[in-house]
Amino acid sequence: MCILGDLPELSLIPLPVVLYPHMPLPLRVFEPRYQALLRDCRGSGGQFGVVAIHNLDEVEGSANPELVGTAAVITKVRPLGDGRSHLVATGAHRFRIRQLLTGMPYLRA
């Protein structure tokens, strides 16, 4: 993946929205795979990628993300218990997906 920044790999959250640079994005993290993504992001600078999807069947693993997304930086996290949390992330910079990676419970590129 070539990011218009300097990250070689990025964890992804596919959403039916577009995140723009400098835009805040509130999220409620409750799915185990995104709880794992959040734990992993905390250990790697607090960034993840947001990519738009057209189909809402992403739960079944058939997400078809756009090839351009926005890196998001976690700015606030409020734990709710049982691994769930509310967070606010802010759009940082755009990136282009070169390859989707497998082997994690969530998308990576």
PDB file of N, CA and C in Angstrom:
ATOM      1  N   MET A   1       0.846  -1.165   0.000  1.00  0.00           N
ATOM      2  CA  MET A   1       0.000   0.000   0.000  1.00  0.00           C
ATOM      3  C   MET A   1       0.888   1.222   0.000  1.00  0.00           C
ATOM      4  N   CYS A   2       0.563   2.179  -0.774  1.00  0.00           N
ATOM      5  CA  CYS A   2       1.286   3.442  -0.807  1.00  0.00           C
ATOM      6  C   CYS A   2       0.425   4.505  -0.153  1.00  0.00           C
ATOM      7  N   ILE A   3       0.870   5.013   0.961  1.00  0.00           N
ATOM      8  CA  ILE A   3       0.128   6.038   1.674  1.00  0.00           C
ATOM      9  C   ILE A   3       0.730   7.387   1.329  1.00  0.00           C
ATOM     10  N   LEU A   4      -0.118   8.376   1.214  1.00  0.00           N
ATOM     11  CA  LEU A   4       0.392   9.733   1.019  1.00  0.00           C
ATOM     12  C   LEU A   4       0.858  10.217   2.383  1.00  0.00           C
ATOM     13  N   GLY A   5       1.796   9.579   2.919  1.00  0.00           N
ATOM     14  CA  GLY A   5       2.407   9.736   4.221  1.00  0.00           C
ATOM     15  C   GLY A   5       3.543   8.735   4.224  1.00  0.00           C
ATOM     16  N   ASP A   6       3.791   8.059   5.356  1.00  0.00           N
ATOM     17  CA  ASP A   6       4.932   7.149   5.360  1.00  0.00           C
ATOM     18  C   ASP A   6       4.666   5.801   6.020  1.00  0.00           C
ATOM     19  N   LEU A   7       3.427   5.343   6.085  1.00  0.00           N
ATOM     20  CA  LEU A   7       3.133   4.046   6.683  1.00  0.00           C
ATOM     21  C   LEU A   7       3.070   2.968   5.613  1.00  0.00           C
ATOM     22  N   PRO A   8       3.813   1.871   5.788  1.00  0.00           N
ATOM     23  CA  PRO A   8       3.772   0.802   4.795  1.00  0.00           C
ATOM     24  C   PRO A   8       2.514  -0.073   4.911  1.00  0.00           C
ATOM     25  N   GLU A   9       1.949  -0.221   6.128  1.00  0.00           N
ATOM     26  CA  GLU A   9       0.739  -1.018   6.349  1.00  0.00           C
ATOM     27  C   GLU A   9      -0.192  -0.257   7.276  1.00  0.00           C
ATOM     28  N   LEU A  10      -1.484  -0.553   7.147  1.00  0.00           N
ATOM     29  CA  LEU A  10      -2.473   0.161   7.944  1.00  0.00           C
ATOM     30  C   LEU A  10      -3.669  -0.756   8.189  1.00  0.00           C
ATOM     31  N   SER A  11      -4.154  -0.782   9.434  1.00  0.00           N
ATOM     32  CA  SER A  11      -5.394  -1.487   9.754  1.00  0.00           C
ATOM     33  C   SER A  11      -6.550  -0.667   9.209  1.00  0.00           C
ATOM     34  N   LEU A  12      -7.609  -1.348   8.742  1.00  0.00           N
ATOM     35  CA  LEU A  12      -8.711  -0.645   8.088  1.00  0.00           C
ATOM     36  C   LEU A  12     -10.048  -0.897   8.773  1.00  0.00           C
ATOM     37  N   ILE A  13     -10.859   0.153   8.813  1.00  0.00           N
ATOM     38  CA  ILE A  13     -12.256   0.026   9.209  1.00  0.00           C
ATOM     39  C   ILE A  13     -13.089   0.463   8.008  1.00  0.00           C
ATOM     40  N   PRO A  14     -13.770  -0.491   7.355  1.00  0.00           N
ATOM     41  CA  PRO A  14     -14.640  -0.125   6.242  1.00  0.00           C
ATOM     42  C   PRO A  14     -15.974   0.386   6.774  1.00  0.00           C
ATOM     43  N   LEU A  15     -16.395   1.536   6.297  1.00  0.00           N
ATOM     44  CA  LEU A  15     -17.641   2.167   6.750  1.00  0.00           C
ATOM     45  C   LEU A  15     -18.418   2.700   5.552  1.00  0.00           C
ATOM     46  N   PRO A  16     -19.726   2.846   5.697  1.00  0.00           N
ATOM     47  CA  PRO A  16     -20.509   3.430   4.609  1.00  0.00           C
ATOM     48  C   PRO A  16     -20.468   4.961   4.635  1.00  0.00           C
ATOM     49  N   VAL A  17     -19.313   5.517   4.975  1.00  0.00           N
ATOM     50  CA  VAL A  17     -19.107   6.967   5.026  1.00  0.00           C
ATOM     51  C   VAL A  17     -17.733   7.287   4.443  1.00  0.00           C
ATOM     52  N   VAL A  18     -17.528   8.548   4.125  1.00  0.00           N
ATOM     53  CA  VAL A  18     -16.222   9.024   3.681  1.00  0.00           C
ATOM     54  C   VAL A  18     -15.667   9.914   4.775  1.00  0.00           C
ATOM     55  N   LEU A  19     -14.441   9.645   5.192  1.00  0.00           N
ATOM     56  CA  LEU A  19     -13.756  10.485   6.175  1.00  0.00           C
ATOM     57  C   LEU A  19     -12.800  11.398   5.415  1.00  0.00           C
ATOM     58  N   TYR A  20     -12.867  12.683   5.696  1.00  0.00           N
ATOM     59  CA  TYR A  20     -11.983  13.659   5.072  1.00  0.00           C
ATOM     60  C   TYR A  20     -10.905  14.083   6.060  1.00  0.00           C
ATOM     61  N   PRO A  21      -9.744  14.524   5.570  1.00  0.00           N
ATOM     62  CA  PRO A  21      -8.721  15.047   6.480  1.00  0.00           C
ATOM     63  C   PRO A  21      -9.297  16.175   7.347  1.00  0.00           C
ATOM     64  N   HIS A  22      -8.907  16.181   8.604  1.00  0.00           N
ATOM     65  CA  HIS A  22      -9.298  17.154   9.626  1.00  0.00           C
ATOM     66  C   HIS A  22     -10.725  16.964  10.137  1.00  0.00           C
ATOM     67  N   MET A  23     -11.462  16.010   9.626  1.00  0.00           N
ATOM     68  CA  MET A  23     -12.838  15.761  10.044  1.00  0.00           C
ATOM     69  C   MET A  23     -12.856  14.811  11.244  1.00  0.00           C
ATOM     70  N   PRO A  24     -13.638  15.110  12.295  1.00  0.00           N
ATOM     71  CA  PRO A  24     -13.753  14.168  13.415  1.00  0.00           C
ATOM     72  C   PRO A  24     -14.701  13.027  13.062  1.00  0.00           C
ATOM     73  N   LEU A  25     -14.417  11.864  13.627  1.00  0.00           N
ATOM     74  CA  LEU A  25     -15.243  10.682  13.385  1.00  0.00           C
ATOM     75  C   LEU A  25     -15.486   9.975  14.719  1.00  0.00           C
ATOM     76  N   PRO A  26     -16.690  10.106  15.294  1.00  0.00           N
ATOM     77  CA  PRO A  26     -17.001   9.357  16.513  1.00  0.00           C
ATOM     78  C   PRO A  26     -17.387   7.925  16.149  1.00  0.00           C
ATOM     79  N   LEU A  27     -16.882   6.969  16.911  1.00  0.00           N
ATOM     80  CA  LEU A  27     -17.171   5.553  16.673  1.00  0.00           C
ATOM     81  C   LEU A  27     -17.472   4.853  17.985  1.00  0.00           C
ATOM     82  N   ARG A  28     -18.355   3.884  17.924  1.00  0.00           N
ATOM     83  CA  ARG A  28     -18.610   2.996  19.055  1.00  0.00           C
ATOM     84  C   ARG A  28     -18.030   1.643  18.662  1.00  0.00           C
ATOM     85  N   VAL A  29     -17.025   1.204  19.381  1.00  0.00           N
ATOM     86  CA  VAL A  29     -16.328  -0.048  19.073  1.00  0.00           C
ATOM     87  C   VAL A  29     -16.910  -1.141  19.960  1.00  0.00           C
ATOM     88  N   PHE A  30     -17.556  -2.121  19.328  1.00  0.00           N
ATOM     89  CA  PHE A  30     -18.162  -3.208  20.096  1.00  0.00           C
ATOM     90  C   PHE A  30     -17.871  -4.581  19.513  1.00  0.00           C
ATOM     91  N   GLU A  31     -17.580  -4.670  18.208  1.00  0.00           N
ATOM     92  CA  GLU A  31     -17.278  -5.969  17.607  1.00  0.00           C
ATOM     93  C   GLU A  31     -15.884  -6.424  18.035  1.00  0.00           C
ATOM     94  N   PRO A  32     -15.729  -7.721  18.355  1.00  0.00           N
ATOM     95  CA  PRO A  32     -14.421  -8.218  18.793  1.00  0.00           C
ATOM     96  C   PRO A  32     -13.283  -7.905  17.824  1.00  0.00           C
ATOM     97  N   ARG A  33     -13.530  -7.976  16.515  1.00  0.00           N
ATOM     98  CA  ARG A  33     -12.448  -7.701  15.561  1.00  0.00           C
ATOM     99  C   ARG A  33     -11.995  -6.250  15.634  1.00  0.00           C
ATOM    100  N   TYR A  34     -12.908  -5.314  15.885  1.00  0.00           N
ATOM    101  CA  TYR A  34     -12.506  -3.907  15.980  1.00  0.00           C
ATOM    102  C   TYR A  34     -11.981  -3.564  17.371  1.00  0.00           C
ATOM    103  N   GLN A  35     -12.353  -4.359  18.376  1.00  0.00           N
ATOM    104  CA  GLN A  35     -11.712  -4.237  19.681  1.00  0.00           C
ATOM    105  C   GLN A  35     -10.239  -4.619  19.547  1.00  0.00           C
ATOM    106  N   ALA A  36      -9.971  -5.688  18.794  1.00  0.00           N
ATOM    107  CA  ALA A  36      -8.584  -6.108  18.542  1.00  0.00           C
ATOM    108  C   ALA A  36      -7.841  -5.044  17.740  1.00  0.00           C
ATOM    109  N   LEU A  37      -8.488  -4.472  16.729  1.00  0.00           N
ATOM    110  CA  LEU A  37      -7.869  -3.413  15.934  1.00  0.00           C
ATOM    111  C   LEU A  37      -7.489  -2.236  16.830  1.00  0.00           C
ATOM    112  N   LEU A  38      -8.383  -1.843  17.720  1.00  0.00           N
ATOM    113  CA  LEU A  38      -8.113  -0.722  18.617  1.00  0.00           C
ATOM    114  C   LEU A  38      -6.930  -1.023  19.529  1.00  0.00           C
ATOM    115  N   ARG A  39      -6.864  -2.232  20.076  1.00  0.00           N
ATOM    116  CA  ARG A  39      -5.708  -2.618  20.912  1.00  0.00           C
ATOM    117  C   ARG A  39      -4.421  -2.541  20.104  1.00  0.00           C
ATOM    118  N   ASP A  40      -4.456  -3.054  18.867  1.00  0.00           N
ATOM    119  CA  ASP A  40      -3.273  -3.030  18.017  1.00  0.00           C
ATOM    120  C   ASP A  40      -2.873  -1.603  17.651  1.00  0.00           C
ATOM    121  N   CYS A  41      -3.852  -0.741  17.411  1.00  0.00           N
ATOM    122  CA  CYS A  41      -3.565   0.654  17.047  1.00  0.00           C
ATOM    123  C   CYS A  41      -2.914   1.421  18.190  1.00  0.00           C
ATOM    124  N   ARG A  42      -3.327   1.134  19.393  1.00  0.00           N
ATOM    125  CA  ARG A  42      -2.726   1.823  20.546  1.00  0.00           C
ATOM    126  C   ARG A  42      -1.239   1.526  20.637  1.00  0.00           C
ATOM    127  N   GLY A  43      -0.847   0.334  20.224  1.00  0.00           N
ATOM    128  CA  GLY A  43       0.555  -0.034  20.258  1.00  0.00           C
ATOM    129  C   GLY A  43       1.354   0.445  19.065  1.00  0.00           C
ATOM    130  N   SER A  44       0.664   1.026  18.071  1.00  0.00           N
ATOM    131  CA  SER A  44       1.381   1.448  16.860  1.00  0.00           C
ATOM    132  C   SER A  44       1.053   2.889  16.468  1.00  0.00           C
ATOM    133  N   GLY A  45       0.941   3.763  17.453  1.00  0.00           N
ATOM    134  CA  GLY A  45       0.756   5.180  17.148  1.00  0.00           C
ATOM    135  C   GLY A  45      -0.680   5.655  17.051  1.00  0.00           C
ATOM    136  N   GLY A  46      -1.652   4.785  17.252  1.00  0.00           N
ATOM    137  CA  GLY A  46      -3.041   5.211  17.277  1.00  0.00           C
ATOM    138  C   GLY A  46      -3.635   5.578  15.933  1.00  0.00           C
ATOM    139  N   GLN A  47      -3.133   5.006  14.842  1.00  0.00           N
ATOM    140  CA  GLN A  47      -3.694   5.287  13.516  1.00  0.00           C
ATOM    141  C   GLN A  47      -4.342   4.044  12.917  1.00  0.00           C
ATOM    142  N   PHE A  48      -5.401   4.286  12.169  1.00  0.00           N
ATOM    143  CA  PHE A  48      -6.028   3.245  11.365  1.00  0.00           C
ATOM    144  C   PHE A  48      -6.588   3.930  10.126  1.00  0.00           C
ATOM    145  N   GLY A  49      -6.970   3.149   9.144  1.00  0.00           N
ATOM    146  CA  GLY A  49      -7.520   3.715   7.923  1.00  0.00           C
ATOM    147  C   GLY A  49      -9.023   3.545   7.860  1.00  0.00           C
ATOM    148  N   VAL A  50      -9.698   4.542   7.318  1.00  0.00           N
ATOM    149  CA  VAL A  50     -11.139   4.462   7.078  1.00  0.00           C
ATOM    150  C   VAL A  50     -11.336   4.428   5.567  1.00  0.00           C
ATOM    151  N   VAL A  51     -12.026   3.389   5.100  1.00  0.00           N
ATOM    152  CA  VAL A  51     -12.314   3.256   3.678  1.00  0.00           C
ATOM    153  C   VAL A  51     -13.816   3.111   3.500  1.00  0.00           C
ATOM    154  N   ALA A  52     -14.341   3.788   2.507  1.00  0.00           N
ATOM    155  CA  ALA A  52     -15.770   3.713   2.223  1.00  0.00           C
ATOM    156  C   ALA A  52     -16.107   2.383   1.563  1.00  0.00           C
ATOM    157  N   ILE A  53     -17.285   1.870   1.888  1.00  0.00           N
ATOM    158  CA  ILE A  53     -17.810   0.672   1.229  1.00  0.00           C
ATOM    159  C   ILE A  53     -19.197   1.005   0.682  1.00  0.00           C
ATOM    160  N   HIS A  54     -19.558   0.318  -0.376  1.00  0.00           N
ATOM    161  CA  HIS A  54     -20.869   0.531  -0.974  1.00  0.00           C
ATOM    162  C   HIS A  54     -21.890  -0.469  -0.458  1.00  0.00           C
ATOM    163  N   ASN A  55     -21.450  -1.700  -0.227  1.00  0.00           N
ATOM    164  CA  ASN A  55     -22.377  -2.709   0.274  1.00  0.00           C
ATOM    165  C   ASN A  55     -22.337  -2.706   1.791  1.00  0.00           C
ATOM    166  N   LEU A  56     -23.468  -2.971   2.407  1.00  0.00           N
ATOM    167  CA  LEU A  56     -23.534  -2.990   3.860  1.00  0.00           C
ATOM    168  C   LEU A  56     -23.419  -4.401   4.413  1.00  0.00           C
ATOM    169  N   ASP A  57     -22.958  -5.350   3.599  1.00  0.00           N
ATOM    170  CA  ASP A  57     -22.808  -6.735   4.001  1.00  0.00           C
ATOM    171  C   ASP A  57     -21.404  -7.002   4.538  1.00  0.00           C
ATOM    172  N   GLU A  58     -20.737  -5.962   5.021  1.00  0.00           N
ATOM    173  CA  GLU A  58     -19.370  -6.073   5.504  1.00  0.00           C
ATOM    174  C   GLU A  58     -19.271  -7.045   6.672  1.00  0.00           C
ATOM    175  N   VAL A  59     -20.351  -7.223   7.429  1.00  0.00           N
ATOM    176  CA  VAL A  59     -20.349  -8.127   8.583  1.00  0.00           C
ATOM    177  C   VAL A  59     -20.011  -9.549   8.155  1.00  0.00           C
ATOM    178  N   GLU A  60     -20.435  -9.944   6.976  1.00  0.00           N
ATOM    179  CA  GLU A  60     -20.172 -11.290   6.478  1.00  0.00           C
ATOM    180  C   GLU A  60     -18.795 -11.423   5.843  1.00  0.00           C
ATOM    181  N   GLY A  61     -17.975 -10.363   5.908  1.00  0.00           N
ATOM    182  CA  GLY A  61     -16.628 -10.445   5.388  1.00  0.00           C
ATOM    183  C   GLY A  61     -16.506 -10.137   3.911  1.00  0.00           C
ATOM    184  N   SER A  62     -17.572  -9.645   3.295  1.00  0.00           N
ATOM    185  CA  SER A  62     -17.522  -9.392   1.856  1.00  0.00           C
ATOM    186  C   SER A  62     -17.381  -7.901   1.551  1.00  0.00           C
ATOM    187  N   ALA A  63     -16.764  -7.149   2.430  1.00  0.00           N
ATOM    188  CA  ALA A  63     -16.576  -5.724   2.191  1.00  0.00           C
ATOM    189  C   ALA A  63     -15.786  -5.509   0.911  1.00  0.00           C
ATOM    190  N   ASN A  64     -16.232  -4.575   0.119  1.00  0.00           N
ATOM    191  CA  ASN A  64     -15.545  -4.221  -1.115  1.00  0.00           C
ATOM    192  C   ASN A  64     -15.137  -2.759  -0.969  1.00  0.00           C
ATOM    193  N   PRO A  65     -14.008  -2.487  -0.294  1.00  0.00           N
ATOM    194  CA  PRO A  65     -13.659  -1.101   0.015  1.00  0.00           C
ATOM    195  C   PRO A  65     -13.162  -0.327  -1.201  1.00  0.00           C
ATOM    196  N   GLU A  66     -13.357   0.966  -1.134  1.00  0.00           N
ATOM    197  CA  GLU A  66     -12.770   1.861  -2.126  1.00  0.00           C
ATOM    198  C   GLU A  66     -11.246   1.743  -2.030  1.00  0.00           C
ATOM    199  N   LEU A  67     -10.549   2.111  -3.070  1.00  0.00           N
ATOM    200  CA  LEU A  67      -9.091   1.997  -3.084  1.00  0.00           C
ATOM    201  C   LEU A  67      -8.391   3.207  -2.486  1.00  0.00           C
ATOM    202  N   VAL A  68      -9.137   4.260  -2.194  1.00  0.00           N
ATOM    203  CA  VAL A  68      -8.572   5.443  -1.551  1.00  0.00           C
ATOM    204  C   VAL A  68      -9.337   5.669  -0.262  1.00  0.00           C
ATOM    205  N   GLY A  69      -8.618   5.943   0.812  1.00  0.00           N
ATOM    206  CA  GLY A  69      -9.232   6.201   2.106  1.00  0.00           C
ATOM    207  C   GLY A  69      -8.481   7.296   2.828  1.00  0.00           C
ATOM    208  N   THR A  70      -8.815   7.468   4.097  1.00  0.00           N
ATOM    209  CA  THR A  70      -8.160   8.478   4.922  1.00  0.00           C
ATOM    210  C   THR A  70      -7.646   7.828   6.199  1.00  0.00           C
ATOM    211  N   ALA A  71      -6.392   8.097   6.525  1.00  0.00           N
ATOM    212  CA  ALA A  71      -5.842   7.639   7.800  1.00  0.00           C
ATOM    213  C   ALA A  71      -6.510   8.440   8.899  1.00  0.00           C
ATOM    214  N   ALA A  72      -6.844   7.777   9.989  1.00  0.00           N
ATOM    215  CA  ALA A  72      -7.484   8.412  11.130  1.00  0.00           C
ATOM    216  C   ALA A  72      -6.581   8.267  12.350  1.00  0.00           C
ATOM    217  N   VAL A  73      -6.478   9.330  13.122  1.00  0.00           N
ATOM    218  CA  VAL A  73      -5.688   9.325  14.349  1.00  0.00           C
ATOM    219  C   VAL A  73      -6.658   9.346  15.526  1.00  0.00           C
ATOM    220  N   ILE A  74      -6.502   8.404  16.434  1.00  0.00           N
ATOM    221  CA  ILE A  74      -7.369   8.341  17.614  1.00  0.00           C
ATOM    222  C   ILE A  74      -7.030   9.512  18.535  1.00  0.00           C
ATOM    223  N   THR A  75      -8.044  10.318  18.850  1.00  0.00           N
ATOM    224  CA  THR A  75      -7.820  11.480  19.706  1.00  0.00           C
ATOM    225  C   THR A  75      -8.432  11.313  21.091  1.00  0.00           C
ATOM    226  N   LYS A  76      -9.488  10.503  21.218  1.00  0.00           N
ATOM    227  CA  LYS A  76     -10.115  10.246  22.521  1.00  0.00           C
ATOM    228  C   LYS A  76     -10.621   8.818  22.548  1.00  0.00           C
ATOM    229  N   VAL A  77     -10.467   8.177  23.706  1.00  0.00           N
ATOM    230  CA  VAL A  77     -11.018   6.836  23.915  1.00  0.00           C
ATOM    231  C   VAL A  77     -11.680   6.819  25.273  1.00  0.00           C
ATOM    232  N   ARG A  78     -12.917   6.331  25.311  1.00  0.00           N
ATOM    233  CA  ARG A  78     -13.617   6.162  26.581  1.00  0.00           C
ATOM    234  C   ARG A  78     -14.045   4.700  26.684  1.00  0.00           C
ATOM    235  N   PRO A  79     -13.344   3.912  27.517  1.00  0.00           N
ATOM    236  CA  PRO A  79     -13.710   2.500  27.686  1.00  0.00           C
ATOM    237  C   PRO A  79     -15.099   2.372  28.312  1.00  0.00           C
ATOM    238  N   LEU A  80     -15.863   1.383  27.834  1.00  0.00           N
ATOM    239  CA  LEU A  80     -17.205   1.125  28.351  1.00  0.00           C
ATOM    240  C   LEU A  80     -17.286  -0.194  29.110  1.00  0.00           C
ATOM    241  N   GLY A  81     -16.233  -0.976  29.105  1.00  0.00           N
ATOM    242  CA  GLY A  81     -16.237  -2.294  29.745  1.00  0.00           C
ATOM    243  C   GLY A  81     -16.391  -3.389  28.703  1.00  0.00           C
ATOM    244  N   ASP A  82     -15.965  -4.590  29.058  1.00  0.00           N
ATOM    245  CA  ASP A  82     -16.032  -5.756  28.170  1.00  0.00           C
ATOM    246  C   ASP A  82     -15.329  -5.522  26.839  1.00  0.00           C
ATOM    247  N   GLY A  83     -14.331  -4.637  26.797  1.00  0.00           N
ATOM    248  CA  GLY A  83     -13.594  -4.367  25.576  1.00  0.00           C
ATOM    249  C   GLY A  83     -14.241  -3.339  24.661  1.00  0.00           C
ATOM    250  N   ARG A  84     -15.490  -2.965  24.953  1.00  0.00           N
ATOM    251  CA  ARG A  84     -16.182  -1.965  24.141  1.00  0.00           C
ATOM    252  C   ARG A  84     -15.685  -0.569  24.518  1.00  0.00           C
ATOM    253  N   SER A  85     -15.810   0.362  23.591  1.00  0.00           N
ATOM    254  CA  SER A  85     -15.419   1.740  23.885  1.00  0.00           C
ATOM    255  C   SER A  85     -16.021   2.706  22.885  1.00  0.00           C
ATOM    256  N   HIS A  86     -16.083   3.948  23.301  1.00  0.00           N
ATOM    257  CA  HIS A  86     -16.394   5.057  22.401  1.00  0.00           C
ATOM    258  C   HIS A  86     -15.069   5.711  22.083  1.00  0.00           C
ATOM    259  N   LEU A  87     -14.895   6.103  20.841  1.00  0.00           N
ATOM    260  CA  LEU A  87     -13.668   6.820  20.502  1.00  0.00           C
ATOM    261  C   LEU A  87     -13.982   7.919  19.508  1.00  0.00           C
ATOM    262  N   VAL A  88     -13.091   8.877  19.465  1.00  0.00           N
ATOM    263  CA  VAL A  88     -13.138   9.920  18.450  1.00  0.00           C
ATOM    264  C   VAL A  88     -11.798   9.869  17.740  1.00  0.00           C
ATOM    265  N   ALA A  89     -11.866   9.812  16.418  1.00  0.00           N
ATOM    266  CA  ALA A  89     -10.671   9.851  15.584  1.00  0.00           C
ATOM    267  C   ALA A  89     -10.800  11.053  14.661  1.00  0.00           C
ATOM    268  N   THR A  90      -9.664  11.550  14.210  1.00  0.00           N
ATOM    269  CA  THR A  90      -9.651  12.697  13.298  1.00  0.00           C
ATOM    270  C   THR A  90      -8.927  12.293  12.029  1.00  0.00           C
ATOM    271  N   GLY A  91      -9.523  12.647  10.884  1.00  0.00           N
ATOM    272  CA  GLY A  91      -8.910  12.348   9.599  1.00  0.00           C
ATOM    273  C   GLY A  91      -7.566  13.043   9.471  1.00  0.00           C
ATOM    274  N   ALA A  92      -6.566  12.318   9.003  1.00  0.00           N
ATOM    275  CA  ALA A  92      -5.210  12.863   8.891  1.00  0.00           C
ATOM    276  C   ALA A  92      -4.837  13.096   7.425  1.00  0.00           C
ATOM    277  N   HIS A  93      -4.568  12.044   6.694  1.00  0.00           N
ATOM    278  CA  HIS A  93      -4.132  12.175   5.303  1.00  0.00           C
ATOM    279  C   HIS A  93      -4.712  11.037   4.476  1.00  0.00           C
ATOM    280  N   ARG A  94      -4.776  11.233   3.195  1.00  0.00           N
ATOM    281  CA  ARG A  94      -5.321  10.243   2.272  1.00  0.00           C
ATOM    282  C   ARG A  94      -4.286   9.139   2.010  1.00  0.00           C
ATOM    283  N   PHE A  95      -4.773   7.978   1.611  1.00  0.00           N
ATOM    284  CA  PHE A  95      -3.891   6.891   1.216  1.00  0.00           C
ATOM    285  C   PHE A  95      -4.548   6.107   0.085  1.00  0.00           C
ATOM    286  N   ARG A  96      -3.745   5.349  -0.596  1.00  0.00           N
ATOM    287  CA  ARG A  96      -4.236   4.474  -1.669  1.00  0.00           C
ATOM    288  C   ARG A  96      -3.864   3.036  -1.319  1.00  0.00           C
ATOM    289  N   ILE A  97      -4.827   2.151  -1.428  1.00  0.00           N
ATOM    290  CA  ILE A  97      -4.593   0.735  -1.161  1.00  0.00           C
ATOM    291  C   ILE A  97      -3.939   0.097  -2.380  1.00  0.00           C
ATOM    292  N   ARG A  98      -2.820  -0.550  -2.153  1.00  0.00           N
ATOM    293  CA  ARG A  98      -2.149  -1.308  -3.203  1.00  0.00           C
ATOM    294  C   ARG A  98      -2.497  -2.794  -3.109  1.00  0.00           C
ATOM    295  N   GLN A  99      -2.696  -3.272  -1.855  1.00  0.00           N
ATOM    296  CA  GLN A  99      -2.980  -4.692  -1.656  1.00  0.00           C
ATOM    297  C   GLN A  99      -3.677  -4.868  -0.318  1.00  0.00           C
ATOM    298  N   LEU A 100      -4.738  -5.674  -0.301  1.00  0.00           N
ATOM    299  CA  LEU A 100      -5.380  -6.046   0.953  1.00  0.00           C
ATOM    300  C   LEU A 100      -4.634  -7.241   1.534  1.00  0.00           C
ATOM    301  N   LEU A 101      -4.416  -7.231   2.838  1.00  0.00           N
ATOM    302  CA  LEU A 101      -3.662  -8.284   3.516  1.00  0.00           C
ATOM    303  C   LEU A 101      -4.604  -9.171   4.306  1.00  0.00           C
ATOM    304  N   THR A 102      -4.268 -10.435   4.435  1.00  0.00           N
ATOM    305  CA  THR A 102      -5.077 -11.380   5.179  1.00  0.00           C
ATOM    306  C   THR A 102      -4.341 -11.821   6.439  1.00  0.00           C
ATOM    307  N   GLY A 103      -5.022 -12.613   7.266  1.00  0.00           N
ATOM    308  CA  GLY A 103      -4.384 -13.160   8.446  1.00  0.00           C
ATOM    309  C   GLY A 103      -4.737 -12.460   9.745  1.00  0.00           C
ATOM    310  N   MET A 104      -5.580 -11.433   9.674  1.00  0.00           N
ATOM    311  CA  MET A 104      -6.024 -10.726  10.880  1.00  0.00           C
ATOM    312  C   MET A 104      -7.558 -10.805  10.906  1.00  0.00           C
ATOM    313  N   PRO A 105      -8.161 -10.584  12.066  1.00  0.00           N
ATOM    314  CA  PRO A 105      -9.626 -10.622  12.110  1.00  0.00           C
ATOM    315  C   PRO A 105     -10.283  -9.387  11.460  1.00  0.00           C
ATOM    316  N   TYR A 106      -9.479  -8.386  11.123  1.00  0.00           N
ATOM    317  CA  TYR A 106      -9.966  -7.177  10.479  1.00  0.00           C
ATOM    318  C   TYR A 106      -9.114  -6.917   9.235  1.00  0.00           C
ATOM    319  N   LEU A 107      -9.614  -6.034   8.365  1.00  0.00           N
ATOM    320  CA  LEU A 107      -8.885  -5.734   7.134  1.00  0.00           C
ATOM    321  C   LEU A 107      -7.595  -4.970   7.419  1.00  0.00           C
ATOM    322  N   ARG A 108      -6.574  -5.279   6.629  1.00  0.00           N
ATOM    323  CA  ARG A 108      -5.320  -4.526   6.640  1.00  0.00           C
ATOM    324  C   ARG A 108      -4.919  -4.331   5.188  1.00  0.00           C
ATOM    325  N   ALA A 109      -4.182  -3.290   4.960  1.00  0.00           N
ATOM    326  CA  ALA A 109      -3.700  -3.030   3.603  1.00  0.00           C
ATOM    327  C   ALA A 109      -2.260  -2.583   3.663  1.00  0.00           C
TER     328      ALA A 109
END
